[in-house]
């Protein structure tokens, strides 16, 4: 049987070389960072915004607490659960757990407790040893509601 390359032997050899080249190239790509088979895991959490606010006792802070979660390659992670815990100062949170968005951000809002002083709220991710802590200064006074 004659093929376009001139003989059936050289056509088979060409296919074998092409297949071997593809397999070697695929192997090199996975070893050289072209594509990684390592699972991405949350490796860092940081404050984006909302830290250091002041609120009147019983009032909600003006800005949400926002964190960013990164993987081991310093890339934003989608869908990571962030746990929010009030450490001091009392009050409440809109959510004690939230998930990161496509920018790696998760957020919650804090409503101050009834007593003037300070409050701290921790944001943590399972597997990341160092959580972040937000602080709020709570002032005395009456929280007013705005009619809209």
Protein backbone atom coordinates (compact mmCIF):
# COMPACT_ATOMS: atom_id res chain seq x y z
CA UNK A 1 0.00 0.00 0.00
CA UNK A 2 1.46 3.32 -1.06
CA UNK A 3 0.78 6.54 0.93
CA UNK A 4 1.27 10.23 0.20
CA UNK A 5 4.69 10.17 1.83
CA UNK A 6 5.88 7.59 -0.60
CA UNK A 7 5.74 4.43 1.49
CA UNK A 8 3.63 2.93 4.19
CA UNK A 9 6.65 2.61 6.52
CA UNK A 10 7.55 6.29 6.50
CA UNK A 11 3.91 7.33 7.05
CA UNK A 12 3.71 5.14 10.17
CA UNK A 13 7.04 6.47 11.36
CA UNK A 14 5.87 10.07 10.85
CA UNK A 15 2.71 9.41 12.89
CA UNK A 16 4.75 7.77 15.66
CA UNK A 17 7.19 10.72 15.80
CA UNK A 18 4.32 13.21 15.85
CA UNK A 19 2.61 11.31 18.68
CA UNK A 20 5.82 11.08 20.69
CA UNK A 21 6.50 14.80 20.18
CA UNK A 22 3.00 15.66 21.41
CA UNK A 23 3.38 13.49 24.53
CA UNK A 24 6.80 14.99 25.35
CA UNK A 25 5.49 18.54 24.81
CA UNK A 26 2.51 17.81 27.07
CA UNK A 27 4.83 16.47 29.76
CA UNK A 28 7.13 19.49 29.54
CA UNK A 29 4.21 21.91 29.77
CA UNK A 30 3.01 20.34 33.01
CA UNK A 31 6.54 20.36 34.49
CA UNK A 32 7.43 23.89 33.45
CA UNK A 33 4.40 25.69 34.85
CA UNK A 34 2.35 25.61 31.66
CA UNK A 35 -0.45 23.89 33.50
CA UNK A 36 -0.47 22.83 37.10
CA UNK A 37 -2.06 19.76 38.57
CA UNK A 38 -1.56 20.99 42.16
CA UNK A 39 -4.79 21.80 43.97
CA UNK A 40 -5.27 25.47 44.75
CA UNK A 41 -5.70 26.13 48.46
CA UNK A 42 -6.40 29.28 50.45
CA UNK A 43 -3.03 30.53 51.71
CA UNK A 44 -3.49 34.15 52.79
CA UNK A 45 -6.21 36.48 54.03
CA UNK A 46 -5.89 40.26 54.17
CA UNK A 47 -8.00 43.32 54.98
CA UNK A 48 -9.17 45.24 51.92
CA UNK A 49 -11.35 47.88 53.61
CA UNK A 50 -13.55 48.73 56.57
CA UNK A 51 -10.99 48.61 59.37
CA UNK A 52 -10.67 51.42 61.95
CA UNK A 53 -14.21 52.82 61.68
CA UNK A 54 -16.17 54.68 64.34
CA UNK A 55 -19.83 53.97 65.07
CA UNK A 56 -22.35 55.23 67.59
CA UNK A 57 -23.46 52.55 70.06
CA UNK A 58 -26.19 50.48 68.40
CA UNK A 59 -25.49 51.82 64.89
CA UNK A 60 -24.18 49.98 61.83
CA UNK A 61 -20.74 50.95 60.53
CA UNK A 62 -20.71 53.03 57.35
CA UNK A 63 -18.59 50.60 55.33
CA UNK A 64 -18.62 46.79 55.28
CA UNK A 65 -15.62 44.81 56.48
CA UNK A 66 -13.95 43.41 53.34
CA UNK A 67 -11.20 40.76 53.12
CA UNK A 68 -9.35 39.18 50.23
CA UNK A 69 -8.36 35.50 50.09
CA UNK A 70 -5.41 34.37 47.95
CA UNK A 71 -4.15 30.93 46.95
CA UNK A 72 -0.55 29.68 47.15
CA UNK A 73 0.19 31.47 43.85
CA UNK A 74 -1.06 34.83 45.22
CA UNK A 75 -4.15 34.64 42.99
CA UNK A 76 -7.67 35.58 44.12
CA UNK A 77 -9.88 32.63 45.08
CA UNK A 78 -13.59 32.28 44.29
CA UNK A 79 -16.01 30.48 46.61
CA UNK A 80 -13.90 30.32 49.79
CA UNK A 81 -15.85 30.46 53.06
CA UNK A 82 -14.79 33.27 55.40
CA UNK A 83 -15.88 33.02 59.04
CA UNK A 84 -16.66 36.24 60.93
CA UNK A 85 -16.58 36.35 64.75
CA UNK A 86 -17.15 39.22 67.17
CA UNK A 87 -14.31 39.03 69.71
CA UNK A 88 -15.02 42.09 71.87
CA UNK A 89 -17.58 44.89 72.09
CA UNK A 90 -20.77 42.93 71.48
CA UNK A 91 -23.07 43.86 68.64
CA UNK A 92 -24.03 41.84 65.60
CA UNK A 93 -22.94 40.93 62.07
CA UNK A 94 -25.05 40.69 58.93
CA UNK A 95 -23.40 37.31 58.33
CA UNK A 96 -21.12 35.05 60.35
CA UNK A 97 -19.96 33.31 57.15
CA UNK A 98 -19.65 34.63 53.61
CA UNK A 99 -18.07 33.38 50.38
CA UNK A 100 -15.43 35.09 48.26
CA UNK A 101 -16.45 36.51 44.90
CA UNK A 102 -14.45 36.41 41.64
CA UNK A 103 -12.11 39.11 43.01
CA UNK A 104 -11.40 36.95 46.07
CA UNK A 105 -13.37 39.35 48.30
CA UNK A 106 -15.82 38.49 51.08
CA UNK A 107 -17.63 40.93 53.35
CA UNK A 108 -19.99 41.48 56.26
CA UNK A 109 -21.41 44.50 58.10
CA UNK A 110 -21.11 45.17 61.81
CA UNK A 111 -23.66 46.81 64.08
CA UNK A 112 -22.09 48.14 67.26
CA UNK A 113 -23.04 46.93 70.70
CA UNK A 114 -24.87 49.18 73.18
CA UNK A 115 -21.81 50.27 75.21
CA UNK A 116 -19.15 52.82 74.22
CA UNK A 117 -15.62 51.48 73.88
CA UNK A 118 -14.01 49.37 71.20
CA UNK A 119 -14.99 46.28 69.28
CA UNK A 120 -12.94 43.70 67.42
CA UNK A 121 -14.16 41.33 64.72
CA UNK A 122 -12.07 38.43 63.41
CA UNK A 123 -12.19 37.13 59.83
CA UNK A 124 -10.74 33.66 59.37
CA UNK A 125 -10.48 30.91 56.76
CA UNK A 126 -10.01 27.23 57.58
CA UNK A 127 -6.43 26.24 56.78
CA UNK A 128 -4.98 29.75 57.09
CA UNK A 129 -3.23 30.05 60.47
CA UNK A 130 -3.35 33.85 60.77
CA UNK A 131 -6.80 35.48 60.78
CA UNK A 132 -7.26 39.23 60.39
CA UNK A 133 -8.91 41.49 62.98
CA UNK A 134 -11.02 44.58 62.33
CA UNK A 135 -11.36 47.26 65.02
CA UNK A 136 -14.23 49.69 65.57
CA UNK A 137 -14.42 52.58 68.03
CA UNK A 138 -17.90 52.72 69.58
CA UNK A 139 -19.00 56.16 70.79
CA UNK A 140 -21.86 56.93 73.14
CA UNK A 141 -24.90 58.61 71.76
CA UNK A 142 -28.13 57.68 70.14
CA UNK A 143 -28.16 56.00 66.79
CA UNK A 144 -30.56 57.84 64.54
CA UNK A 145 -32.43 56.26 61.69
CA UNK A 146 -32.75 58.07 58.41
CA UNK A 147 -36.17 58.06 56.86
CA UNK A 148 -36.08 57.39 53.17
